[in-house]
């Protein structure tokens, strides 16, 4: 017998949760979430979930620790309310960039988060564009790491005057090369890579560009934009030094901390396209948002057989 599906939202990204529920032809289920005076989070499920398949949507964005704890408490509340199955939809996974040890005294924080979610009572987790694919192996429950590739590819094709001859895809660092290469192959464009030397966290120095971008429009592809130092430096060197034309930026996760908005406000950048995995809006930027609700809803349907 197929379980009834109910969609619950944490507080980190209610708009995306509503979009997912609409794609599924459902309404968001009722849940109360708040904080006690000492800062502790409280949760109360307001609907009967006995024998239901419950889907919890929660991005682990800023404030990361509060949103993580909230997710774990919601899952526990649903489990104790006798939900038959619990799926955690985590569009953006905080701590995902801490996926390995760079120094002997470092933790692997992504593994800690994966363990917490795995042990919370969730039956599976749906993620989007993980920073490092090996993180899937950190979980002890099934993981679906969906890709925003098709959404961005479709939008790129709609850019005015887009053609393989006058556009080139550029990876802002070696880590983004695999995804950038995939875009360039599908859309028939050339590719370039920016070689950089990062001196410390959230600070990078662009060294040189491998590939030809002269007199071409550039599309920079990345999974996460945090302070935007890397991406803005890349745009600057591509235009000033390498004589590229306009720069378009596509990134799934708009972490956008610190001076990100100012860094992205440089005149070399023609347009910025983010997904809605993290709530973000700025009137200062030529910003476009493409929802990932379609791909997340599709994965929920695959799991639940709605």
Foldseek 3Di string as FASTA:
>chain_A
DFAAEAEEEDPFFVPLSQLLQVVVVHGHADKDWDADPVGHIDIDGPDQQAQHEYEYEFECAVVNVVRLVRQLNVLLNNVVSHHPAYEYEHAHHPLLVLCDDPDPPGDSVLLVSQDSVQPSNHQEYEYEDRLDPCSCVSHPHHYHHHYCLVVVLVVQVVPPPDAQVAEEEEELEPSCVVVSVVSCVVRVHHYKYWYWDAPDPPGIGTDDIGDAQARHEYEYEDAEDACCNSVLNVLVCCCPPRNHAAYEYEYAYYSRDDNNLVSQLDPRHPEYEYEVSGDDDDPSGNYHYDYPSVVVSVVVCVVSVD
